[in-house]
Amino acid sequence: MNIELETASAEACDLSRGFLQSGFWGRFKSEFGWTSLHFSLRRGSESCPLLVLERSIRRGFSFAYVPHGPDCDLSSRDTADFLASVARSLRPHLSPTCIFLRFDPPWYLASGAVGDAEAKDGLAQGGGAEPLRPLVGAPLRRAAADVQPPDTVLLDLDADPESLLAAMKPKWRYNIKLAAKKGVVVEEAGAEALPEFYRLYRKTAERDRIALHPEHYYSRLFSLASSYGDGAARGPLVPDLRLWFARHEGEALAAIVTLFRGERAVYLYGASSDEKRNLMPAYALQWAAIQAAKAAGCREYDFFGIPPSDDPQHPMAGLYRFKTGFGGSIVHRAGSWDYPLRPLTYRAFRAAEAARQWWFKDFKKRRGARGPGAAERQRD
């Protein structure tokens, strides 16, 4: 497949549709052990920005990663050949020690609407079956572990607030009203409230046996977002990062972090207390963020991560039920796929990663199932 690849500036990547392909995200990750590489990718008459991240791993090796990219329109039958061509074109720009290039393609298949009117095509319902996903295949290999969650709920914000509420499950509408009736107050806070958020987040991580970044990671994310674009007009693709708290009588019961950028809003992180969960603070938080995203001009709210199906045995089954109750459509991406650059070394790395995945993501998670207020996974 004929493609052209040229080096580009970080500002060029700020024209990307998704924040994980933006120059902002590349600059942020470059402060935490990654090297960010920016390109312009051309295929025929179409071109798109491309962010590639590379970082060192054990024994002097490295790997490269393309989060939610390349964000180009593509026929599903061309996916594997296209990604392989991109990988071959990128190889001269990567370190000689790079073992493989990992893609998280942005393309997805939608399994239908959820909420008050459930999906009826069988893809969005229970049983634990693996949903249909965009095809990739050889010469790429399915990664032993996904970096970004391949399954999520996308909520269309073009409807008016009354219609958005009507599309939710009845219990979700009830819980939103209950939180308000019981005196739960949602407030938007600035970066100065991050220590309070992190205390809540750390308790959530301990309760649900998940890993989290140090506090500086989140404070730097906010400080960079607030200053990004200074010296030039802060356009619609500059990240608008917001921190929200749900409080009752001054006590923080839950908190979330959202990112608004262009037409897309993303629910990034969430944390909750063990206290007063019967007041439904998590529902009030999401409804406030959804309304704010719509007011900011976003047309889509991404809940950013659910289990692949409504499987009651899944360690994050509560998260699936919580996020799908707000309506929207369930979508399934291809997940992470690897293009080996050093096949023998890659094989050893993949075996070790598979073992680690089983221990931390499967075995330990099933010992501490997560509910709707659980903290979200890291955005690596």
Protein backbone atom coordinates (compact mmCIF):
# COMPACT_ATOMS: atom_id res chain seq x y z
CA MET A 1 0.00 0.00 0.00
CA ASN A 2 1.47 3.35 -1.05
CA ILE A 3 1.74 5.88 1.80
CA GLU A 4 3.97 8.89 2.42
CA LEU A 5 5.30 9.90 5.81
CA GLU A 6 6.83 13.26 6.67
CA THR A 7 8.02 14.61 10.00
CA ALA A 8 5.78 17.35 11.37
CA SER A 9 5.43 19.67 14.33
CA ALA A 10 3.48 19.06 17.50
CA GLU A 11 1.14 21.85 16.40
CA ALA A 12 0.28 19.85 13.28
CA CYS A 13 -0.89 16.97 15.49
CA ASP A 14 -3.12 19.39 17.38
CA LEU A 15 -5.42 19.22 14.36
CA SER A 16 -6.19 15.57 15.12
CA ARG A 17 -9.75 14.60 16.00
CA GLY A 18 -8.86 12.61 19.12
CA PHE A 19 -6.93 13.97 22.10
CA LEU A 20 -4.68 10.88 22.26
CA GLN A 21 -3.27 11.84 18.86
CA SER A 22 -2.80 15.51 19.75
CA GLY A 23 0.42 17.43 20.15
CA PHE A 24 -0.79 18.25 23.66
CA TRP A 25 -0.84 14.56 24.62
CA GLY A 26 2.57 13.98 23.04
CA ARG A 27 4.07 16.86 25.00
CA PHE A 28 2.49 15.62 28.22
CA LYS A 29 3.68 12.03 27.81
CA SER A 30 7.18 13.23 26.90
CA GLU A 31 7.51 14.46 30.48
CA PHE A 32 6.85 10.96 31.82
CA GLY A 33 9.34 8.71 30.10
CA TRP A 34 8.10 8.79 26.51
CA THR A 35 9.63 10.29 23.38
CA SER A 36 7.00 11.90 21.16
CA LEU A 37 7.35 11.81 17.37
CA HIS A 38 5.05 13.81 15.09
CA PHE A 39 4.32 13.06 11.46
CA SER A 40 2.03 13.88 8.58
CA LEU A 41 0.68 10.72 6.97
CA ARG A 42 -0.57 10.81 3.39
CA ARG A 43 -2.44 8.05 1.58
CA GLY A 44 -3.62 9.04 -1.85
CA SER A 45 -5.51 12.31 -1.53
CA GLU A 46 -6.07 11.91 2.21
CA SER A 47 -3.69 13.06 4.91
CA CYS A 48 -3.82 12.99 8.68
CA PRO A 49 -1.52 13.91 11.58
CA LEU A 50 0.16 11.02 13.39
CA LEU A 51 1.57 10.95 16.92
CA VAL A 52 3.93 8.09 17.81
CA LEU A 53 5.25 7.55 21.34
CA GLU A 54 8.35 5.52 22.13
CA ARG A 55 9.75 4.47 25.49
CA SER A 56 12.51 2.29 26.87
CA ILE A 57 11.81 -1.03 28.53
CA ARG A 58 14.07 -3.64 30.11
CA ARG A 59 17.56 -4.57 28.93
CA GLY A 60 17.98 -1.48 26.80
CA PHE A 61 15.11 -2.23 24.43
CA SER A 62 12.20 0.03 23.55
CA PHE A 63 8.78 -0.14 21.96
CA ALA A 64 6.67 2.39 20.05
CA TYR A 65 2.99 3.08 20.48
CA VAL A 66 0.32 4.82 18.37
CA PRO A 67 -2.67 5.72 20.61
CA HIS A 68 -5.96 5.84 18.71
CA GLY A 69 -4.21 6.32 15.40
CA PRO A 70 -3.74 6.69 12.56
CA ASP A 71 -7.03 8.57 12.55
CA CYS A 72 -7.72 8.14 8.84
CA ASP A 73 -10.89 6.94 7.16
CA LEU A 74 -10.29 3.44 5.87
CA SER A 75 -12.12 0.45 4.45
CA SER A 76 -12.04 -2.45 6.92
CA ARG A 77 -10.58 -4.81 4.32
CA ASP A 78 -7.48 -2.60 4.02
CA THR A 79 -6.76 -2.27 7.74
CA ALA A 80 -3.93 -4.80 8.19
CA ASP A 81 -2.05 -3.82 5.02
CA PHE A 82 -2.40 -0.14 5.90
CA LEU A 83 -1.05 -0.51 9.45
CA ALA A 84 1.80 -2.71 8.22
CA SER A 85 2.73 -0.07 5.64
CA VAL A 86 2.67 2.63 8.32
CA ALA A 87 4.90 0.49 10.55
CA ARG A 88 7.42 -0.10 7.77
CA SER A 89 7.50 3.63 7.00
CA LEU A 90 8.02 4.49 10.66
CA ARG A 91 10.80 2.00 11.28
CA PRO A 92 13.68 4.30 10.15
CA HIS A 93 12.42 6.97 12.58
CA LEU A 94 12.46 4.65 15.60
CA SER A 95 15.36 3.54 17.79
CA PRO A 96 17.37 0.54 16.53
CA THR A 97 16.48 -1.13 19.84
CA CYS A 98 12.73 -0.88 19.19
CA ILE A 99 11.17 -4.35 19.48
CA PHE A 100 7.71 -3.65 18.09
CA LEU A 101 5.22 -0.97 17.14
CA ARG A 102 1.83 -1.16 18.89
CA PHE A 103 -1.28 0.33 17.34
CA ASP A 104 -4.58 1.17 19.01
CA PRO A 105 -6.63 1.85 15.86
CA PRO A 106 -9.49 4.34 16.34
CA TRP A 107 -11.96 2.54 14.05
CA TYR A 108 -14.90 0.84 15.69
CA LEU A 109 -18.12 -1.08 15.17
CA ALA A 110 -21.26 0.10 16.97
CA SER A 111 -23.47 -2.55 18.52
CA GLY A 112 -26.56 -0.40 18.97
CA ALA A 113 -28.22 2.00 21.34
CA VAL A 114 -28.50 1.39 25.06
CA GLY A 115 -30.50 3.00 27.81
CA ASP A 116 -34.28 2.99 28.06
CA ALA A 117 -34.52 1.14 24.74
CA GLU A 118 -31.98 -1.72 24.90
CA ALA A 119 -29.92 -2.89 21.93
CA LYS A 120 -31.61 -5.81 20.19
CA ASP A 121 -28.97 -7.02 17.75
CA GLY A 122 -27.35 -9.34 20.26
CA LEU A 123 -23.99 -7.61 20.26
CA ALA A 124 -24.56 -5.36 23.23
CA GLN A 125 -26.18 -7.90 25.50
CA GLY A 126 -24.95 -10.41 28.05
CA GLY A 127 -23.42 -13.82 28.01
CA GLY A 128 -19.77 -12.78 28.04
CA ALA A 129 -19.27 -13.42 24.31
CA GLU A 130 -16.55 -11.44 22.57
CA PRO A 131 -18.23 -8.72 20.46
CA LEU A 132 -17.58 -8.11 16.80
CA ARG A 133 -14.59 -5.83 16.20
CA PRO A 134 -12.92 -4.22 13.17
CA LEU A 135 -10.64 -6.71 11.43
CA VAL A 136 -6.87 -6.31 11.57
CA GLY A 137 -4.92 -9.57 11.33
CA ALA A 138 -1.56 -10.63 9.86
CA PRO A 139 1.16 -9.49 9.61
CA LEU A 140 0.17 -7.76 12.86
CA ARG A 141 -0.42 -9.76 16.05
CA ARG A 142 -3.05 -9.16 18.70
CA ALA A 143 -1.29 -7.67 21.71
CA ALA A 144 -1.19 -9.63 24.94
CA ALA A 145 -2.66 -6.60 26.72
CA ASP A 146 -4.71 -3.63 25.57
CA VAL A 147 -3.40 -0.17 26.39
CA GLN A 148 -6.61 1.77 25.82
CA PRO A 149 -9.95 0.15 26.64
CA PRO A 150 -11.30 -1.07 23.27
CA ASP A 151 -14.96 -0.90 24.33
CA THR A 152 -16.83 2.22 25.37
CA VAL A 153 -20.13 4.09 25.33
CA LEU A 154 -20.52 7.15 23.10
CA LEU A 155 -23.37 9.50 23.96
CA ASP A 156 -24.71 11.76 21.19
CA LEU A 157 -25.10 15.27 22.65
CA ASP A 158 -27.07 16.75 19.74
CA ALA A 159 -30.35 16.03 21.54
CA ASP A 160 -31.85 18.47 24.06
CA PRO A 161 -31.44 17.74 27.80
CA GLU A 162 -34.99 16.37 28.12
CA SER A 163 -34.35 13.90 25.32
CA LEU A 164 -31.01 12.87 26.84
CA LEU A 165 -32.75 12.11 30.12
CA ALA A 166 -35.55 10.25 28.36
CA ALA A 167 -33.01 7.97 26.64
CA MET A 168 -31.53 6.86 29.98
CA LYS A 169 -32.69 3.85 31.92
CA PRO A 170 -35.52 4.85 34.30
CA LYS A 171 -33.43 4.06 37.39
CA TRP A 172 -30.69 6.41 36.18
CA ARG A 173 -33.15 9.30 35.82
CA TYR A 174 -34.47 8.48 39.27
CA ASN A 175 -30.98 8.43 40.81
CA ILE A 176 -30.09 11.81 39.28
CA LYS A 177 -33.21 13.34 40.78
CA LEU A 178 -32.64 11.54 44.09
CA ALA A 179 -29.14 12.98 44.45
CA ALA A 180 -30.49 16.51 43.97
CA LYS A 181 -33.38 15.89 46.36
CA LYS A 182 -31.04 14.59 49.07
CA GLY A 183 -28.83 17.67 48.84
CA VAL A 184 -25.92 16.39 46.77
CA VAL A 185 -24.22 19.39 45.19
CA VAL A 186 -21.97 19.10 42.14
CA GLU A 187 -19.27 21.72 41.81
CA GLU A 188 -16.53 22.34 39.31
CA ALA A 189 -13.16 22.82 41.00
CA GLY A 190 -9.80 24.08 39.83
CA ALA A 191 -6.39 22.47 39.94
CA GLU A 192 -5.99 23.66 43.52
CA ALA A 193 -8.44 20.90 44.53
CA LEU A 194 -6.30 18.12 43.02
CA PRO A 195 -4.84 17.04 46.40
CA GLU A 196 -8.38 16.39 47.63
CA PHE A 197 -9.17 14.48 44.45
CA TYR A 198 -6.00 12.41 44.76
CA ARG A 199 -6.79 11.41 48.34
CA LEU A 200 -10.15 10.13 47.16
CA TYR A 201 -8.58 8.50 44.12
CA ARG A 202 -5.95 6.74 46.23
CA LYS A 203 -8.63 5.29 48.52
CA THR A 204 -10.49 4.07 45.46
CA ALA A 205 -7.35 2.44 44.08
CA GLU A 206 -6.68 0.66 47.37
CA ARG A 207 -10.27 -0.57 47.56
CA ASP A 208 -10.36 -1.84 44.00
CA ARG A 209 -6.75 -3.08 43.76
CA ILE A 210 -5.75 -0.93 40.82
CA ALA A 211 -2.59 0.99 39.99
CA LEU A 212 -2.46 4.75 39.67
CA HIS A 213 0.11 7.38 38.77
CA PRO A 214 1.76 9.62 41.38
CA GLU A 215 -0.06 12.83 42.23
CA HIS A 216 2.35 14.91 40.14
CA TYR A 217 1.13 13.13 36.99
CA TYR A 218 -2.37 14.56 37.37
CA SER A 219 -1.27 17.99 38.55
CA ARG A 220 1.03 18.29 35.53
CA LEU A 221 -1.79 17.24 33.22
CA PHE A 222 -3.91 20.13 34.54
CA SER A 223 -1.11 22.69 34.49
CA LEU A 224 -0.14 21.83 30.93
CA ALA A 225 -3.76 21.92 29.74
CA SER A 226 -4.31 25.32 31.33
CA SER A 227 -1.25 26.85 29.66
CA TYR A 228 -1.43 25.00 26.34
CA GLY A 229 -1.94 27.40 23.47
CA ASP A 230 -0.71 30.44 25.39
CA GLY A 231 0.69 33.04 23.04
CA ALA A 232 -1.84 32.12 20.38
CA ALA A 233 -5.60 31.98 20.14
CA ARG A 234 -6.93 29.13 22.27
CA GLY A 235 -9.07 27.44 19.66
CA PRO A 236 -11.64 24.67 20.06
CA LEU A 237 -9.00 21.90 19.85
CA VAL A 238 -7.11 23.17 22.90
CA PRO A 239 -7.85 20.79 25.81
CA ASP A 240 -10.37 21.98 28.37
CA LEU A 241 -9.67 19.84 31.45
CA ARG A 242 -12.18 19.99 34.31
CA LEU A 243 -12.36 18.56 37.81
CA TRP A 244 -15.76 17.88 39.39
CA PHE A 245 -16.82 17.02 42.95
CA ALA A 246 -20.11 15.73 44.29
CA ARG A 247 -20.51 16.92 47.88
CA HIS A 248 -23.03 16.45 50.64
CA GLU A 249 -22.90 18.85 53.57
CA GLY A 250 -19.41 19.81 52.42
CA GLU A 251 -18.08 16.24 52.32
CA ALA A 252 -16.61 15.04 49.02
CA LEU A 253 -18.37 11.80 48.09
CA ALA A 254 -17.11 11.37 44.52
CA ALA A 255 -15.06 13.17 41.89
CA ILE A 256 -14.37 12.89 38.17
CA VAL A 257 -12.03 14.45 35.62
CA THR A 258 -13.31 15.28 32.13
CA LEU A 259 -11.62 16.63 29.01
CA PHE A 260 -13.52 18.71 26.44
CA ARG A 261 -11.80 19.18 23.09
CA GLY A 262 -13.48 20.17 19.85
CA GLU A 263 -16.64 18.14 19.36
CA ARG A 264 -15.56 15.41 21.79
CA ALA A 265 -15.83 15.19 25.56
CA VAL A 266 -14.12 12.37 27.45
CA TYR A 267 -14.65 11.06 30.99
CA LEU A 268 -11.03 10.43 31.99
CA TYR A 269 -10.84 9.50 35.68
CA GLY A 270 -13.24 8.84 38.51
CA ALA A 271 -13.02 8.23 42.25
CA SER A 272 -15.51 7.70 45.05
CA SER A 273 -15.77 7.48 48.79
CA ASP A 274 -17.28 4.56 50.69
CA GLU A 275 -19.54 7.01 52.52
CA LYS A 276 -23.16 7.88 51.63
CA ARG A 277 -23.22 5.91 48.40
CA ASN A 278 -27.00 5.71 48.76
CA LEU A 279 -27.10 9.42 47.82
CA MET A 280 -26.06 8.52 44.25
CA PRO A 281 -23.27 11.12 43.82
CA ALA A 282 -21.76 9.34 40.78
CA TYR A 283 -25.00 9.81 38.81
CA ALA A 284 -25.18 13.50 39.67
CA LEU A 285 -21.57 13.98 38.56
CA GLN A 286 -22.06 12.39 35.15
CA TRP A 287 -25.24 14.35 34.45
CA ALA A 288 -23.53 17.64 35.35
CA ALA A 289 -20.54 16.81 33.10
CA ILE A 290 -22.80 15.78 30.22
CA GLN A 291 -24.70 19.07 30.38
CA ALA A 292 -21.47 21.07 30.60
CA ALA A 293 -20.00 19.23 27.61
CA LYS A 294 -23.07 20.06 25.55
CA ALA A 295 -22.90 23.71 26.62
CA ALA A 296 -19.21 23.78 25.59
CA GLY A 297 -20.13 22.76 22.06
CA CYS A 298 -19.20 19.07 22.27
CA ARG A 299 -21.35 16.73 20.23
CA GLU A 300 -20.20 13.45 21.77
CA TYR A 301 -19.51 12.27 25.33
CA ASP A 302 -17.15 9.32 25.60
CA PHE A 303 -17.41 7.29 28.82
CA PHE A 304 -13.99 5.84 27.91
CA GLY A 305 -14.02 2.23 28.84
CA ILE A 306 -16.41 -0.61 29.66
CA PRO A 307 -16.08 -4.41 29.68
CA PRO A 308 -16.65 -6.00 26.26
CA SER A 309 -20.08 -7.37 27.18
CA ASP A 310 -22.66 -7.49 29.94
CA ASP A 311 -21.01 -10.40 31.71
CA PRO A 312 -21.95 -10.54 35.43
CA GLN A 313 -18.73 -12.49 36.12
CA HIS A 314 -16.50 -9.76 34.72
CA PRO A 315 -14.54 -7.91 37.45
CA MET A 316 -15.85 -4.58 36.08
CA ALA A 317 -19.45 -5.69 35.54
CA GLY A 318 -20.68 -2.82 37.71
CA LEU A 319 -18.88 -0.34 35.50
CA TYR A 320 -20.61 -1.77 32.43
CA ARG A 321 -24.07 -1.41 33.99
CA PHE A 322 -23.35 2.09 35.27
CA LYS A 323 -22.04 3.60 32.04
CA THR A 324 -24.54 1.95 29.69
CA GLY A 325 -27.43 3.21 31.79
CA PHE A 326 -26.92 6.78 30.56
CA GLY A 327 -27.90 5.85 27.00
CA GLY A 328 -25.77 6.26 23.90
CA SER A 329 -24.23 3.55 21.74
CA ILE A 330 -21.82 0.80 22.69
CA VAL A 331 -18.83 0.70 20.35
CA HIS A 332 -16.07 -1.87 19.97
CA ARG A 333 -12.61 -1.01 18.68
CA ALA A 334 -10.05 -3.52 17.45
CA GLY A 335 -7.92 -3.28 20.60
CA SER A 336 -4.11 -3.19 20.59
CA TRP A 337 -2.21 -4.80 17.71
CA ASP A 338 1.56 -5.23 17.37
CA TYR A 339 3.87 -5.11 14.37
CA PRO A 340 7.06 -6.97 15.45
CA LEU A 341 10.33 -5.33 14.43
CA ARG A 342 12.58 -7.85 16.20
CA PRO A 343 10.52 -11.07 16.13
CA LEU A 344 12.54 -13.23 18.53
CA THR A 345 12.81 -10.58 21.21
CA TYR A 346 9.18 -9.65 20.67
CA ARG A 347 8.10 -13.25 21.31
CA ALA A 348 9.81 -13.26 24.70
CA PHE A 349 8.37 -9.85 25.59
CA ARG A 350 4.86 -10.92 24.60
CA ALA A 351 5.02 -14.06 26.77
CA ALA A 352 6.10 -12.00 29.78
CA GLU A 353 3.38 -9.41 29.11
CA ALA A 354 0.72 -12.12 28.86
CA ALA A 355 1.75 -13.49 32.26
CA ARG A 356 1.67 -10.05 33.80
CA GLN A 357 -1.71 -9.37 32.23
CA TRP A 358 -3.17 -12.51 33.79
CA TRP A 359 -1.82 -11.69 37.25
CA PHE A 360 -2.68 -8.01 37.50
CA LYS A 361 -5.71 -7.62 35.21
CA ASP A 362 -7.49 -10.94 35.64
CA PHE A 363 -6.54 -12.72 38.86
CA LYS A 364 -6.20 -9.68 41.12
CA LYS A 365 -9.17 -7.86 39.57
CA ARG A 366 -11.47 -10.80 40.23
CA ARG A 367 -10.52 -10.58 43.89
CA GLY A 368 -11.81 -7.00 44.01
CA ALA A 369 -14.71 -6.40 41.61
CA ARG A 370 -15.31 -2.78 40.69
CA GLY A 371 -18.54 -0.85 40.80
CA PRO A 372 -19.75 2.39 39.20
CA GLY A 373 -17.64 4.67 41.36
CA ALA A 374 -14.38 2.86 40.77
CA ALA A 375 -11.37 4.72 39.45
CA GLU A 376 -10.77 4.57 35.73
CA ARG A 377 -7.74 2.91 34.19
CA GLN A 378 -4.66 4.90 33.33
CA ARG A 379 -4.48 6.61 29.96
CA ASP A 380 -1.07 5.45 28.76
